[in-house]
Amino acid sequence: MDYVKWLGLFAALFITVANFPQTYKMIRTRSVGDISTATYILLVIGNAAWLVYGILKSDIPLIVGNSISTLSCVVILILKFIWPKSKTHKKTGT
Protein backbone atom coordinates (compact mmCIF):
# COMPACT_ATOMS: atom_id res chain seq x y z
CA MET A 1 0.00 0.00 0.00
CA ASP A 2 1.43 3.39 -0.96
CA TYR A 3 1.77 6.41 1.33
CA VAL A 4 -1.29 8.12 -0.19
CA LYS A 5 -3.56 5.25 0.90
CA TRP A 6 -1.98 5.31 4.37
CA LEU A 7 -2.65 9.04 4.58
CA GLY A 8 -6.24 8.41 3.54
CA LEU A 9 -6.65 5.71 6.19
CA PHE A 10 -5.12 8.02 8.81
CA ALA A 11 -7.54 10.81 7.88
CA ALA A 12 -10.48 8.38 7.79
CA LEU A 13 -9.59 7.14 11.27
CA PHE A 14 -9.75 10.61 12.82
CA ILE A 15 -12.87 11.71 10.93
CA THR A 16 -14.59 8.48 11.90
CA VAL A 17 -13.64 8.68 15.58
CA ALA A 18 -14.53 12.39 15.83
CA ASN A 19 -18.22 11.75 16.55
CA PHE A 20 -17.69 8.98 19.10
CA PRO A 21 -17.12 11.28 22.12
CA GLN A 22 -20.31 13.21 21.34
CA THR A 23 -22.32 10.04 20.84
CA TYR A 24 -20.94 8.54 24.06
CA LYS A 25 -21.72 11.70 26.03
CA MET A 26 -25.27 11.83 24.66
CA ILE A 27 -25.91 8.20 25.56
CA ARG A 28 -24.33 8.56 29.03
CA THR A 29 -26.14 11.79 29.97
CA ARG A 30 -29.27 11.32 27.82
CA SER A 31 -28.93 15.02 27.07
CA VAL A 32 -29.51 16.14 23.49
CA GLY A 33 -30.59 19.75 23.98
CA ASP A 34 -27.27 21.29 22.95
CA ILE A 35 -26.92 19.30 19.73
CA SER A 36 -27.40 21.32 16.55
CA THR A 37 -29.85 19.53 14.30
CA ALA A 38 -28.80 21.56 11.26
CA THR A 39 -25.13 20.72 11.79
CA TYR A 40 -25.77 17.00 11.96
CA ILE A 41 -28.12 17.04 8.97
CA LEU A 42 -25.37 18.76 6.96
CA LEU A 43 -22.80 16.27 8.25
CA VAL A 44 -24.97 13.32 7.22
CA ILE A 45 -25.44 14.78 3.72
CA GLY A 46 -21.73 15.57 3.36
CA ASN A 47 -20.55 12.22 4.70
CA ALA A 48 -23.05 10.35 2.54
CA ALA A 49 -21.85 12.26 -0.54
CA TRP A 50 -18.22 11.40 0.29
CA LEU A 51 -19.28 7.78 0.77
CA VAL A 52 -20.90 7.65 -2.67
CA TYR A 53 -17.83 9.33 -4.15
CA GLY A 54 -15.60 6.75 -2.46
CA ILE A 55 -17.73 3.92 -3.80
CA LEU A 56 -17.60 5.35 -7.33
CA LYS A 57 -13.81 5.72 -7.06
CA SER A 58 -13.38 2.35 -5.30
CA ASP A 59 -11.44 4.16 -2.58
CA ILE A 60 -11.36 2.02 0.56
CA PRO A 61 -10.36 4.82 3.02
CA LEU A 62 -13.25 6.99 1.81
CA ILE A 63 -15.71 4.10 1.92
CA VAL A 64 -14.74 2.91 5.40
CA GLY A 65 -14.35 6.34 6.99
CA ASN A 66 -17.48 7.87 5.58
CA SER A 67 -19.72 4.86 6.09
CA ILE A 68 -18.88 4.84 9.82
CA SER A 69 -19.05 8.66 10.05
CA THR A 70 -22.41 8.74 8.31
CA LEU A 71 -23.74 6.06 10.63
CA SER A 72 -22.54 7.84 13.78
CA CYS A 73 -24.09 11.15 12.63
CA VAL A 74 -27.36 9.35 11.88
CA VAL A 75 -27.32 7.83 15.38
CA ILE A 76 -26.83 11.29 16.88
CA LEU A 77 -29.76 12.65 14.86
CA ILE A 78 -31.98 9.74 15.83
CA LEU A 79 -31.17 10.27 19.49
CA LYS A 80 -31.83 13.99 19.06
CA PHE A 81 -35.34 13.27 17.77
CA ILE A 82 -36.36 10.38 20.02
CA TRP A 83 -35.06 11.64 23.36
CA PRO A 84 -36.96 14.53 24.87
CA LYS A 85 -35.10 17.68 25.78
CA SER A 86 -34.01 17.99 29.37
CA LYS A 87 -36.99 18.32 31.69
CA THR A 88 -35.09 20.44 34.18
CA HIS A 89 -35.86 24.13 33.96
CA LYS A 90 -34.17 26.95 35.78
CA LYS A 91 -36.48 28.62 38.23
CA THR A 92 -36.85 32.33 37.87
CA GLY A 93 -36.24 34.51 40.90
CA THR A 94 -39.06 34.84 43.39
PDB file of N, CA and C in Angstrom:
ATOM      1  N   MET A   1       0.857  -1.173   0.000  1.00  0.00           N
ATOM      2  CA  MET A   1       0.000   0.000   0.000  1.00  0.00           C
ATOM      3  C   MET A   1       0.903   1.237   0.000  1.00  0.00           C
ATOM      4  N   ASP A   2       0.597   2.188  -0.849  1.00  0.00           N
ATOM      5  CA  ASP A   2       1.427   3.387  -0.958  1.00  0.00           C
ATOM      6  C   ASP A   2       1.101   4.408   0.135  1.00  0.00           C
ATOM      7  N   TYR A   3       1.935   5.419   0.257  1.00  0.00           N
ATOM      8  CA  TYR A   3       1.772   6.409   1.334  1.00  0.00           C
ATOM      9  C   TYR A   3       0.479   7.209   1.200  1.00  0.00           C
ATOM     10  N   VAL A   4      -0.041   7.366  -0.003  1.00  0.00           N
ATOM     11  CA  VAL A   4      -1.289   8.118  -0.190  1.00  0.00           C
ATOM     12  C   VAL A   4      -2.454   7.361   0.449  1.00  0.00           C
ATOM     13  N   LYS A   5      -2.501   6.051   0.272  1.00  0.00           N
ATOM     14  CA  LYS A   5      -3.562   5.249   0.903  1.00  0.00           C
ATOM     15  C   LYS A   5      -3.432   5.285   2.425  1.00  0.00           C
ATOM     16  N   TRP A   6      -2.184   5.229   2.926  1.00  0.00           N
ATOM     17  CA  TRP A   6      -1.979   5.312   4.369  1.00  0.00           C
ATOM     18  C   TRP A   6      -2.459   6.652   4.916  1.00  0.00           C
ATOM     19  N   LEU A   7      -2.178   7.716   4.174  1.00  0.00           N
ATOM     20  CA  LEU A   7      -2.645   9.042   4.579  1.00  0.00           C
ATOM     21  C   LEU A   7      -4.170   9.076   4.599  1.00  0.00           C
ATOM     22  N   GLY A   8      -4.777   8.483   3.594  1.00  0.00           N
ATOM     23  CA  GLY A   8      -6.239   8.406   3.537  1.00  0.00           C
ATOM     24  C   GLY A   8      -6.817   7.618   4.702  1.00  0.00           C
ATOM     25  N   LEU A   9      -6.191   6.497   5.045  1.00  0.00           N
ATOM     26  CA  LEU A   9      -6.655   5.705   6.188  1.00  0.00           C
ATOM     27  C   LEU A   9      -6.468   6.461   7.501  1.00  0.00           C
ATOM     28  N   PHE A  10      -5.364   7.205   7.627  1.00  0.00           N
ATOM     29  CA  PHE A  10      -5.115   8.018   8.811  1.00  0.00           C
ATOM     30  C   PHE A  10      -6.200   9.091   8.956  1.00  0.00           C
ATOM     31  N   ALA A  11      -6.499   9.780   7.858  1.00  0.00           N
ATOM     32  CA  ALA A  11      -7.545  10.812   7.879  1.00  0.00           C
ATOM     33  C   ALA A  11      -8.906  10.191   8.187  1.00  0.00           C
ATOM     34  N   ALA A  12      -9.200   9.055   7.567  1.00  0.00           N
ATOM     35  CA  ALA A  12     -10.478   8.380   7.790  1.00  0.00           C
ATOM     36  C   ALA A  12     -10.634   7.972   9.251  1.00  0.00           C
ATOM     37  N   LEU A  13      -9.542   7.534   9.866  1.00  0.00           N
ATOM     38  CA  LEU A  13      -9.593   7.139  11.274  1.00  0.00           C
ATOM     39  C   LEU A  13     -10.036   8.303  12.151  1.00  0.00           C
ATOM     40  N   PHE A  14      -9.431   9.467  11.968  1.00  0.00           N
ATOM     41  CA  PHE A  14      -9.755  10.606  12.818  1.00  0.00           C
ATOM     42  C   PHE A  14     -11.139  11.180  12.525  1.00  0.00           C
ATOM     43  N   ILE A  15     -11.527  11.222  11.278  1.00  0.00           N
ATOM     44  CA  ILE A  15     -12.870  11.713  10.934  1.00  0.00           C
ATOM     45  C   ILE A  15     -13.928  10.761  11.486  1.00  0.00           C
ATOM     46  N   THR A  16     -13.644   9.474  11.413  1.00  0.00           N
ATOM     47  CA  THR A  16     -14.586   8.476  11.903  1.00  0.00           C
ATOM     48  C   THR A  16     -14.731   8.544  13.415  1.00  0.00           C
ATOM     49  N   VAL A  17     -13.638   8.677  14.117  1.00  0.00           N
ATOM     50  CA  VAL A  17     -13.640   8.677  15.577  1.00  0.00           C
ATOM     51  C   VAL A  17     -14.149  10.003  16.144  1.00  0.00           C
ATOM     52  N   ALA A  18     -14.177  11.052  15.349  1.00  0.00           N
ATOM     53  CA  ALA A  18     -14.528  12.394  15.834  1.00  0.00           C
ATOM     54  C   ALA A  18     -15.910  12.461  16.482  1.00  0.00           C
ATOM     55  N   ASN A  19     -16.869  11.705  15.996  1.00  0.00           N
ATOM     56  CA  ASN A  19     -18.223  11.755  16.554  1.00  0.00           C
ATOM     57  C   ASN A  19     -18.430  10.831  17.745  1.00  0.00           C
ATOM     58  N   PHE A  20     -17.505   9.928  18.010  1.00  0.00           N
ATOM     59  CA  PHE A  20     -17.686   8.979  19.099  1.00  0.00           C
ATOM     60  C   PHE A  20     -17.795   9.647  20.466  1.00  0.00           C
ATOM     61  N   PRO A  21     -16.955  10.642  20.796  1.00  0.00           N
ATOM     62  CA  PRO A  21     -17.117  11.276  22.119  1.00  0.00           C
ATOM     63  C   PRO A  21     -18.489  11.925  22.302  1.00  0.00           C
ATOM     64  N   GLN A  22     -18.995  12.579  21.256  1.00  0.00           N
ATOM     65  CA  GLN A  22     -20.311  13.214  21.345  1.00  0.00           C
ATOM     66  C   GLN A  22     -21.395  12.167  21.520  1.00  0.00           C
ATOM     67  N   THR A  23     -21.319  11.101  20.743  1.00  0.00           N
ATOM     68  CA  THR A  23     -22.317  10.040  20.843  1.00  0.00           C
ATOM     69  C   THR A  23     -22.284   9.409  22.229  1.00  0.00           C
ATOM     70  N   TYR A  24     -21.090   9.123  22.727  1.00  0.00           N
ATOM     71  CA  TYR A  24     -20.944   8.535  24.063  1.00  0.00           C
ATOM     72  C   TYR A  24     -21.527   9.458  25.133  1.00  0.00           C
ATOM     73  N   LYS A  25     -21.209  10.740  25.045  1.00  0.00           N
ATOM     74  CA  LYS A  25     -21.719  11.701  26.032  1.00  0.00           C
ATOM     75  C   LYS A  25     -23.240  11.776  25.988  1.00  0.00           C
ATOM     76  N   MET A  26     -23.807  11.774  24.783  1.00  0.00           N
ATOM     77  CA  MET A  26     -25.267  11.828  24.656  1.00  0.00           C
ATOM     78  C   MET A  26     -25.909  10.596  25.288  1.00  0.00           C
ATOM     79  N   ILE A  27     -25.336   9.437  25.030  1.00  0.00           N
ATOM     80  CA  ILE A  27     -25.908   8.203  25.563  1.00  0.00           C
ATOM     81  C   ILE A  27     -25.751   8.170  27.087  1.00  0.00           C
ATOM     82  N   ARG A  28     -24.601   8.585  27.592  1.00  0.00           N
ATOM     83  CA  ARG A  28     -24.329   8.565  29.031  1.00  0.00           C
ATOM     84  C   ARG A  28     -25.230   9.538  29.785  1.00  0.00           C
ATOM     85  N   THR A  29     -25.379  10.759  29.258  1.00  0.00           N
ATOM     86  CA  THR A  29     -26.142  11.786  29.969  1.00  0.00           C
ATOM     87  C   THR A  29     -27.606  11.856  29.542  1.00  0.00           C
ATOM     88  N   ARG A  30     -27.926  11.229  28.415  1.00  0.00           N
ATOM     89  CA  ARG A  30     -29.268  11.318  27.818  1.00  0.00           C
ATOM     90  C   ARG A  30     -29.676  12.772  27.604  1.00  0.00           C
ATOM     91  N   SER A  31     -28.697  13.605  27.306  1.00  0.00           N
ATOM     92  CA  SER A  31     -28.933  15.021  27.073  1.00  0.00           C
ATOM     93  C   SER A  31     -28.644  15.339  25.606  1.00  0.00           C
ATOM     94  N   VAL A  32     -29.657  15.845  24.915  1.00  0.00           N
ATOM     95  CA  VAL A  32     -29.506  16.143  23.487  1.00  0.00           C
ATOM     96  C   VAL A  32     -29.830  17.599  23.171  1.00  0.00           C
ATOM     97  N   GLY A  33     -30.136  18.377  24.183  1.00  0.00           N
ATOM     98  CA  GLY A  33     -30.586  19.752  23.976  1.00  0.00           C
ATOM     99  C   GLY A  33     -29.578  20.659  23.300  1.00  0.00           C
ATOM    100  N   ASP A  34     -28.294  20.414  23.521  1.00  0.00           N
ATOM    101  CA  ASP A  34     -27.267  21.295  22.954  1.00  0.00           C
ATOM    102  C   ASP A  34     -26.774  20.850  21.583  1.00  0.00           C
ATOM    103  N   ILE A  35     -27.352  19.810  21.041  1.00  0.00           N
ATOM    104  CA  ILE A  35     -26.922  19.305  19.735  1.00  0.00           C
ATOM    105  C   ILE A  35     -27.624  20.093  18.637  1.00  0.00           C
ATOM    106  N   SER A  36     -26.839  20.575  17.673  1.00  0.00           N
ATOM    107  CA  SER A  36     -27.398  21.324  16.552  1.00  0.00           C
ATOM    108  C   SER A  36     -27.925  20.360  15.490  1.00  0.00           C
ATOM    109  N   THR A  37     -29.229  20.382  15.304  1.00  0.00           N
ATOM    110  CA  THR A  37     -29.854  19.528  14.298  1.00  0.00           C
ATOM    111  C   THR A  37     -29.338  19.866  12.906  1.00  0.00           C
ATOM    112  N   ALA A  38     -29.261  21.147  12.593  1.00  0.00           N
ATOM    113  CA  ALA A  38     -28.801  21.565  11.259  1.00  0.00           C
ATOM    114  C   ALA A  38     -27.381  21.077  10.984  1.00  0.00           C
ATOM    115  N   THR A  39     -26.509  21.178  11.970  1.00  0.00           N
ATOM    116  CA  THR A  39     -25.131  20.725  11.789  1.00  0.00           C
ATOM    117  C   THR A  39     -25.085  19.241  11.456  1.00  0.00           C
ATOM    118  N   TYR A  40     -25.823  18.440  12.193  1.00  0.00           N
ATOM    119  CA  TYR A  40     -25.771  16.999  11.963  1.00  0.00           C
ATOM    120  C   TYR A  40     -26.490  16.586  10.685  1.00  0.00           C
ATOM    121  N   ILE A  41     -27.500  17.312  10.269  1.00  0.00           N
ATOM    122  CA  ILE A  41     -28.116  17.036   8.968  1.00  0.00           C
ATOM    123  C   ILE A  41     -27.105  17.307   7.860  1.00  0.00           C
ATOM    124  N   LEU A  42     -26.401  18.438   7.966  1.00  0.00           N
ATOM    125  CA  LEU A  42     -25.373  18.756   6.964  1.00  0.00           C
ATOM    126  C   LEU A  42     -24.238  17.736   6.983  1.00  0.00           C
ATOM    127  N   LEU A  43     -23.843  17.285   8.158  1.00  0.00           N
ATOM    128  CA  LEU A  43     -22.797  16.270   8.247  1.00  0.00           C
ATOM    129  C   LEU A  43     -23.235  14.953   7.614  1.00  0.00           C
ATOM    130  N   VAL A  44     -24.477  14.553   7.834  1.00  0.00           N
ATOM    131  CA  VAL A  44     -24.974  13.319   7.217  1.00  0.00           C
ATOM    132  C   VAL A  44     -24.953  13.450   5.689  1.00  0.00           C
ATOM    133  N   ILE A  45     -25.431  14.571   5.181  1.00  0.00           N
ATOM    134  CA  ILE A  45     -25.438  14.778   3.725  1.00  0.00           C
ATOM    135  C   ILE A  45     -24.013  14.778   3.172  1.00  0.00           C
ATOM    136  N   GLY A  46     -23.115  15.505   3.820  1.00  0.00           N
ATOM    137  CA  GLY A  46     -21.730  15.566   3.357  1.00  0.00           C
ATOM    138  C   GLY A  46     -21.025  14.227   3.437  1.00  0.00           C
ATOM    139  N   ASN A  47     -21.175  13.542   4.567  1.00  0.00           N
ATOM    140  CA  ASN A  47     -20.551  12.221   4.702  1.00  0.00           C
ATOM    141  C   ASN A  47     -21.126  11.223   3.711  1.00  0.00           C
ATOM    142  N   ALA A  48     -22.424  11.261   3.503  1.00  0.00           N
ATOM    143  CA  ALA A  48     -23.046  10.348   2.538  1.00  0.00           C
ATOM    144  C   ALA A  48     -22.546  10.636   1.119  1.00  0.00           C
ATOM    145  N   ALA A  49     -22.379  11.907   0.785  1.00  0.00           N
ATOM    146  CA  ALA A  49     -21.853  12.258  -0.541  1.00  0.00           C
ATOM    147  C   ALA A  49     -20.419  11.758  -0.702  1.00  0.00           C
ATOM    148  N   TRP A  50     -19.596  11.923   0.330  1.00  0.00           N
ATOM    149  CA  TRP A  50     -18.225  11.398   0.294  1.00  0.00           C
ATOM    150  C   TRP A  50     -18.234   9.876   0.193  1.00  0.00           C
ATOM    151  N   LEU A  51     -19.169   9.239   0.851  1.00  0.00           N
ATOM    152  CA  LEU A  51     -19.283   7.783   0.772  1.00  0.00           C
ATOM    153  C   LEU A  51     -19.594   7.342  -0.657  1.00  0.00           C
ATOM    154  N   VAL A  52     -20.565   7.985  -1.277  1.00  0.00           N
ATOM    155  CA  VAL A  52     -20.903   7.649  -2.666  1.00  0.00           C
ATOM    156  C   VAL A  52     -19.701   7.902  -3.580  1.00  0.00           C
ATOM    157  N   TYR A  53     -19.030   9.018  -3.381  1.00  0.00           N
ATOM    158  CA  TYR A  53     -17.831   9.335  -4.153  1.00  0.00           C
ATOM    159  C   TYR A  53     -16.776   8.234  -3.975  1.00  0.00           C
ATOM    160  N   GLY A  54     -16.562   7.813  -2.722  1.00  0.00           N
ATOM    161  CA  GLY A  54     -15.596   6.753  -2.459  1.00  0.00           C
ATOM    162  C   GLY A  54     -15.971   5.449  -3.126  1.00  0.00           C
ATOM    163  N   ILE A  55     -17.261   5.133  -3.119  1.00  0.00           N
ATOM    164  CA  ILE A  55     -17.727   3.918  -3.802  1.00  0.00           C
ATOM    165  C   ILE A  55     -17.475   4.022  -5.299  1.00  0.00           C
ATOM    166  N   LEU A  56     -17.811   5.164  -5.887  1.00  0.00           N
ATOM    167  CA  LEU A  56     -17.604   5.346  -7.325  1.00  0.00           C
ATOM    168  C   LEU A  56     -16.124   5.286  -7.710  1.00  0.00           C
ATOM    169  N   LYS A  57     -15.254   5.734  -6.803  1.00  0.00           N
ATOM    170  CA  LYS A  57     -13.810   5.724  -7.060  1.00  0.00           C
ATOM    171  C   LYS A  57     -13.146   4.440  -6.551  1.00  0.00           C
ATOM    172  N   SER A  58     -13.913   3.573  -5.913  1.00  0.00           N
ATOM    173  CA  SER A  58     -13.378   2.346  -5.296  1.00  0.00           C
ATOM    174  C   SER A  58     -12.243   2.668  -4.335  1.00  0.00           C
ATOM    175  N   ASP A  59     -12.456   3.694  -3.516  1.00  0.00           N
ATOM    176  CA  ASP A  59     -11.440   4.155  -2.583  1.00  0.00           C
ATOM    177  C   ASP A  59     -11.789   3.673  -1.175  1.00  0.00           C
ATOM    178  N   ILE A  60     -11.061   2.662  -0.720  1.00  0.00           N
ATOM    179  CA  ILE A  60     -11.355   2.022   0.561  1.00  0.00           C
ATOM    180  C   ILE A  60     -11.340   3.000   1.740  1.00  0.00           C
ATOM    181  N   PRO A  61     -10.327   3.890   1.883  1.00  0.00           N
ATOM    182  CA  PRO A  61     -10.363   4.820   3.018  1.00  0.00           C
ATOM    183  C   PRO A  61     -11.614   5.698   3.035  1.00  0.00           C
ATOM    184  N   LEU A  62     -12.039   6.175   1.858  1.00  0.00           N
ATOM    185  CA  LEU A  62     -13.254   6.990   1.805  1.00  0.00           C
ATOM    186  C   LEU A  62     -14.495   6.170   2.149  1.00  0.00           C
ATOM    187  N   ILE A  63     -14.546   4.950   1.669  1.00  0.00           N
ATOM    188  CA  ILE A  63     -15.706   4.100   1.921  1.00  0.00           C
ATOM    189  C   ILE A  63     -15.809   3.762   3.411  1.00  0.00           C
ATOM    190  N   VAL A  64     -14.715   3.314   3.994  1.00  0.00           N
ATOM    191  CA  VAL A  64     -14.738   2.906   5.402  1.00  0.00           C
ATOM    192  C   VAL A  64     -15.004   4.111   6.305  1.00  0.00           C
ATOM    193  N   GLY A  65     -14.219   5.160   6.124  1.00  0.00           N
ATOM    194  CA  GLY A  65     -14.351   6.337   6.992  1.00  0.00           C
ATOM    195  C   GLY A  65     -15.716   6.978   6.919  1.00  0.00           C
ATOM    196  N   ASN A  66     -16.213   7.160   5.723  1.00  0.00           N
ATOM    197  CA  ASN A  66     -17.484   7.866   5.582  1.00  0.00           C
ATOM    198  C   ASN A  66     -18.701   6.998   5.857  1.00  0.00           C
ATOM    199  N   SER A  67     -18.583   5.697   5.711  1.00  0.00           N
ATOM    200  CA  SER A  67     -19.717   4.858   6.094  1.00  0.00           C
ATOM    201  C   SER A  67     -19.893   4.882   7.613  1.00  0.00           C
ATOM    202  N   ILE A  68     -18.793   4.798   8.354  1.00  0.00           N
ATOM    203  CA  ILE A  68     -18.885   4.843   9.816  1.00  0.00           C
ATOM    204  C   ILE A  68     -19.269   6.243  10.291  1.00  0.00           C
ATOM    205  N   SER A  69     -18.703   7.280   9.669  1.00  0.00           N
ATOM    206  CA  SER A  69     -19.045   8.659  10.052  1.00  0.00           C
ATOM    207  C   SER A  69     -20.514   8.962   9.785  1.00  0.00           C
ATOM    208  N   THR A  70     -21.002   8.533   8.639  1.00  0.00           N
ATOM    209  CA  THR A  70     -22.412   8.744   8.315  1.00  0.00           C
ATOM    210  C   THR A  70     -23.294   8.046   9.336  1.00  0.00           C
ATOM    211  N   LEU A  71     -22.959   6.820   9.661  1.00  0.00           N
ATOM    212  CA  LEU A  71     -23.742   6.061  10.631  1.00  0.00           C
ATOM    213  C   LEU A  71     -23.741   6.739  12.001  1.00  0.00           C
ATOM    214  N   SER A  72     -22.584   7.204  12.461  1.00  0.00           N
ATOM    215  CA  SER A  72     -22.543   7.841  13.781  1.00  0.00           C
ATOM    216  C   SER A  72     -23.330   9.150  13.796  1.00  0.00           C
ATOM    217  N   CYS A  73     -23.289   9.913  12.701  1.00  0.00           N
ATOM    218  CA  CYS A  73     -24.093  11.146  12.633  1.00  0.00           C
ATOM    219  C   CYS A  73     -25.585  10.833  12.601  1.00  0.00           C
ATOM    220  N   VAL A  74     -25.960   9.759  11.916  1.00  0.00           N
ATOM    221  CA  VAL A  74     -27.363   9.349  11.880  1.00  0.00           C
ATOM    222  C   VAL A  74     -27.819   8.939  13.277  1.00  0.00           C
ATOM    223  N   VAL A  75     -26.978   8.216  14.005  1.00  0.00           N
ATOM    224  CA  VAL A  75     -27.317   7.827  15.378  1.00  0.00           C
ATOM    225  C   VAL A  75     -27.549   9.062  16.240  1.00  0.00           C
ATOM    226  N   ILE A  76     -26.666  10.052  16.116  1.00  0.00           N
ATOM    227  CA  ILE A  76     -26.825  11.294  16.884  1.00  0.00           C
ATOM    228  C   ILE A  76     -28.149  11.976  16.530  1.00  0.00           C
ATOM    229  N   LEU A  77     -28.480  12.039  15.255  1.00  0.00           N
ATOM    230  CA  LEU A  77     -29.756  12.653  14.855  1.00  0.00           C
ATOM    231  C   LEU A  77     -30.952  11.874  15.385  1.00  0.00           C
ATOM    232  N   ILE A  78     -30.878  10.556  15.310  1.00  0.00           N
ATOM    233  CA  ILE A  78     -31.982   9.737  15.829  1.00  0.00           C
ATOM    234  C   ILE A  78     -32.174   9.993  17.320  1.00  0.00           C
ATOM    235  N   LEU A  79     -31.066   9.996  18.059  1.00  0.00           N
ATOM    236  CA  LEU A  79     -31.166  10.272  19.491  1.00  0.00           C
ATOM    237  C   LEU A  79     -31.734  11.661  19.744  1.00  0.00           C
ATOM    238  N   LYS A  80     -31.339  12.613  18.924  1.00  0.00           N
ATOM    239  CA  LYS A  80     -31.832  13.989  19.063  1.00  0.00           C
ATOM    240  C   LYS A  80     -33.352  14.035  18.927  1.00  0.00           C
ATOM    241  N   PHE A  81     -33.893  13.228  18.008  1.00  0.00           N
ATOM    242  CA  PHE A  81     -35.336  13.270  17.767  1.00  0.00           C
ATOM    243  C   PHE A  81     -36.144  12.372  18.691  1.00  0.00           C
ATOM    244  N   ILE A  82     -35.551  11.284  19.201  1.00  0.00           N
ATOM    245  CA  ILE A  82     -36.363  10.379  20.024  1.00  0.00           C
ATOM    246  C   ILE A  82     -36.267  10.678  21.510  1.00  0.00           C
ATOM    247  N   TRP A  83     -35.173  11.296  21.952  1.00  0.00           N
ATOM    248  CA  TRP A  83     -35.062  11.636  23.364  1.00  0.00           C
ATOM    249  C   TRP A  83     -35.592  13.032  23.595  1.00  0.00           C
ATOM    250  N   PRO A  84     -36.446  13.186  24.590  1.00  0.00           N
ATOM    251  CA  PRO A  84     -36.959  14.532  24.871  1.00  0.00           C
ATOM    252  C   PRO A  84     -35.850  15.432  25.404  1.00  0.00           C
ATOM    253  N   LYS A  85     -36.042  16.713  25.208  1.00  0.00           N
ATOM    254  CA  LYS A  85     -35.101  17.675  25.776  1.00  0.00           C
ATOM    255  C   LYS A  85     -35.136  17.568  27.287  1.00  0.00           C
ATOM    256  N   SER A  86     -34.118  18.053  27.916  1.00  0.00           N
ATOM    257  CA  SER A  86     -34.013  17.988  29.366  1.00  0.00           C
ATOM    258  C   SER A  86     -35.272  18.557  30.009  1.00  0.00           C
ATOM    259  N   LYS A  87     -35.761  17.878  31.014  1.00  0.00           N
ATOM    260  CA  LYS A  87     -36.986  18.322  31.693  1.00  0.00           C
ATOM    261  C   LYS A  87     -36.689  19.274  32.837  1.00  0.00           C
ATOM    262  N   THR A  88     -35.421  19.515  33.093  1.00  0.00           N
ATOM    263  CA  THR A  88     -35.085  20.442  34.181  1.00  0.00           C
ATOM    264  C   THR A  88     -35.099  21.854  33.647  1.00  0.00           C
ATOM    265  N   HIS A  89     -35.769  22.728  34.355  1.00  0.00           N
ATOM    266  CA  HIS A  89     -35.859  24.128  33.963  1.00  0.00           C
ATOM    267  C   HIS A  89     -35.312  24.975  35.095  1.00  0.00           C
ATOM    268  N   LYS A  90     -34.632  26.041  34.752  1.00  0.00           N
ATOM    269  CA  LYS A  90     -34.166  26.951  35.785  1.00  0.00           C
ATOM    270  C   LYS A  90     -35.345  27.728  36.317  1.00  0.00           C
ATOM    271  N   LYS A  91     -35.396  27.833  37.613  1.00  0.00           N
ATOM    272  CA  LYS A  91     -36.479  28.615  38.226  1.00  0.00           C
ATOM    273  C   LYS A  91     -36.104  30.086  38.171  1.00  0.00           C
ATOM    274  N   THR A  92     -37.085  30.900  37.869  1.00  0.00           N
ATOM    275  CA  THR A  92     -36.849  32.330  37.870  1.00  0.00           C
ATOM    276  C   THR A  92     -36.911  32.839  39.305  1.00  0.00           C
ATOM    277  N   GLY A  93     -36.273  33.944  39.542  1.00  0.00           N
ATOM    278  CA  GLY A  93     -36.236  34.512  40.901  1.00  0.00           C
ATOM    279  C   GLY A  93     -37.616  34.806  41.449  1.00  0.00           C
ATOM    280  N   THR A  94     -37.761  34.570  42.747  1.00  0.00           N
ATOM    281  CA  THR A  94     -39.058  34.841  43.391  1.00  0.00           C
ATOM    282  C   THR A  94     -38.937  35.951  44.378  1.00  0.00           C
TER     283      THR A  94
END
